[in-house]
C-alpha cells in the first residue's frame, strides 16, 4: 500500500493534507473586479453590511410566529398572564396600537412556567 512506503512519522501529515484537499473551501462573498472602472471598497463594504442586516431581519421575522386568528381547539389560561395553548403551541394576545380600530393578534411564546 502507498502509505506503508512512506515513513511512519509522515503519515499524519499525509492524512491531514488528503483531508484538506477533499473538503470544500468555504469563503465569504467574492467580488470580481475587472479593473476598468474605479472601485469604491467602502461602498462595497456598506452594501455587504446592509445585505447581512437584511438577511438577519428576515431570519428574525421567520422565527416570530404571528397569527391574526387562533386555530380551533385552543385552551385559554389566565395565569401567570393570559395565553392560549393550541396543541402544544402557546400564543399570547396583543392589541394593535395607534389605530382607530385596533385589531387583536397572537404571538407565539415559549411555554409559560409556573414561576413566570
Protein backbone atom coordinates (compact mmCIF):
# COMPACT_ATOMS: atom_id res chain seq x y z
CA UNK A 1 0.00 0.00 0.00
CA UNK A 2 1.15 3.54 -0.67
CA UNK A 3 1.05 4.64 2.99
CA UNK A 4 3.26 1.73 4.04
CA UNK A 5 6.09 3.00 1.86
CA UNK A 6 6.04 6.44 3.50
CA UNK A 7 7.90 6.91 6.73
CA UNK A 8 5.59 6.36 9.75
CA UNK A 9 6.26 9.87 11.10
CA UNK A 10 4.78 11.45 7.95
CA UNK A 11 1.51 9.51 7.89
CA UNK A 12 -0.47 12.06 9.97
CA UNK A 13 0.67 14.87 7.67
CA UNK A 14 -0.32 12.90 4.61
CA UNK A 15 -3.71 12.09 6.05
CA UNK A 16 -4.25 15.71 7.05
CA UNK A 17 -3.30 17.03 3.63
CA UNK A 18 -5.57 14.50 1.91
CA UNK A 19 -8.47 15.54 4.11
CA UNK A 20 -7.86 19.22 3.41
CA UNK A 21 -7.92 18.58 -0.32
CA UNK A 22 -11.14 16.57 -0.05
CA UNK A 23 -13.08 19.11 2.00
CA UNK A 24 -14.68 22.01 0.15
CA UNK A 25 -13.37 25.50 0.78
CA UNK A 26 -15.78 27.93 2.42
CA UNK A 27 -15.40 31.59 1.60
CA UNK A 28 -17.47 34.68 2.09
CA UNK A 29 -18.87 36.77 -0.71
CA UNK A 30 -16.47 37.04 -3.64
CA UNK A 31 -16.32 40.21 -5.72
CA UNK A 32 -14.73 40.07 -9.16
CA UNK A 33 -13.46 43.40 -10.47
CA UNK A 34 -12.06 43.80 -13.96
CA UNK A 35 -10.07 46.97 -13.21
CA UNK A 36 -11.51 49.15 -15.98
CA UNK A 37 -13.75 51.03 -13.58
CA UNK A 38 -13.00 52.64 -10.25
CA UNK A 39 -13.93 50.53 -7.24
CA UNK A 40 -15.14 52.08 -4.02
CA UNK A 41 -14.29 49.43 -1.43
CA UNK A 42 -16.15 51.31 1.29
CA UNK A 43 -19.36 51.32 -0.76
CA UNK A 44 -18.95 47.58 -1.33
CA UNK A 45 -18.40 47.04 2.39
CA UNK A 46 -21.50 49.08 3.25
CA UNK A 47 -23.58 47.14 0.71
CA UNK A 48 -22.42 43.82 2.18
CA UNK A 49 -23.27 45.02 5.69
CA UNK A 50 -26.75 46.12 4.57
CA UNK A 51 -27.31 42.73 2.90
CA UNK A 52 -26.26 40.90 6.08
CA UNK A 53 -28.57 43.06 8.21
CA UNK A 54 -31.42 42.36 5.80
CA UNK A 55 -30.80 38.59 5.97
CA UNK A 56 -30.72 38.77 9.78
CA UNK A 57 -34.03 40.68 9.83
CA UNK A 58 -35.59 38.02 7.58
CA UNK A 59 -34.39 35.24 9.88
CA UNK A 60 -35.84 37.04 12.90
CA UNK A 61 -39.15 37.56 11.12
CA UNK A 62 -39.33 33.87 10.23
CA UNK A 63 -38.72 32.95 13.88
CA UNK A 64 -41.52 35.22 15.11
CA UNK A 65 -44.87 33.48 14.62
CA UNK A 66 -47.79 35.93 14.46
CA UNK A 67 -51.41 34.87 13.94
CA UNK A 68 -54.45 37.00 13.23
CA UNK A 69 -56.76 34.24 14.50
CA UNK A 70 -56.18 31.24 16.70
CA UNK A 71 -56.76 27.74 15.35
CA UNK A 72 -59.74 25.73 16.60
CA UNK A 73 -59.36 23.82 19.84
CA UNK A 74 -57.17 26.29 21.77
CA UNK A 75 -57.45 26.33 25.54
CA UNK A 76 -57.36 29.68 27.35
CA UNK A 77 -55.33 30.23 30.53
CA UNK A 78 -55.25 33.35 32.69
CA UNK A 79 -52.24 32.68 34.95
CA UNK A 80 -49.50 33.91 35.13
CA UNK A 81 -50.94 36.02 32.26
CA UNK A 82 -53.49 35.45 29.52
CA UNK A 83 -52.26 32.94 26.96
CA UNK A 84 -53.59 30.13 24.80
CA UNK A 85 -52.43 26.53 24.42
CA UNK A 86 -53.08 25.33 20.88
CA UNK A 87 -51.96 21.70 20.63
CA UNK A 88 -48.65 22.38 22.36
CA UNK A 89 -48.02 25.78 20.80
CA UNK A 90 -48.54 28.75 23.07
CA UNK A 91 -49.79 32.17 21.98
CA UNK A 92 -50.26 35.45 23.81
CA UNK A 93 -52.83 38.04 22.68
CA UNK A 94 -51.80 41.61 21.80
CA UNK A 95 -53.72 44.66 20.68
CA UNK A 96 -52.53 46.71 17.72
CA UNK A 97 -51.90 50.26 18.94
CA UNK A 98 -52.16 53.63 17.26
CA UNK A 99 -55.08 52.73 15.00
CA UNK A 100 -58.69 53.86 15.01
CA UNK A 101 -59.94 50.25 15.06
CA UNK A 102 -57.29 48.24 16.93
CA UNK A 103 -57.10 44.58 15.98
CA UNK A 104 -56.08 41.72 18.20
CA UNK A 105 -53.30 39.37 17.08
CA UNK A 106 -51.43 36.50 18.71
CA UNK A 107 -47.67 35.99 19.02
CA UNK A 108 -46.17 32.57 19.67
CA UNK A 109 -44.39 32.36 23.01
CA UNK A 110 -42.36 29.79 24.90
CA UNK A 111 -44.41 27.65 27.27
CA UNK A 112 -45.08 29.67 30.43
CA UNK A 113 -43.58 28.15 33.55
CA UNK A 114 -45.16 28.05 37.00
CA UNK A 115 -42.95 30.91 38.22
CA UNK A 116 -43.45 33.18 35.20
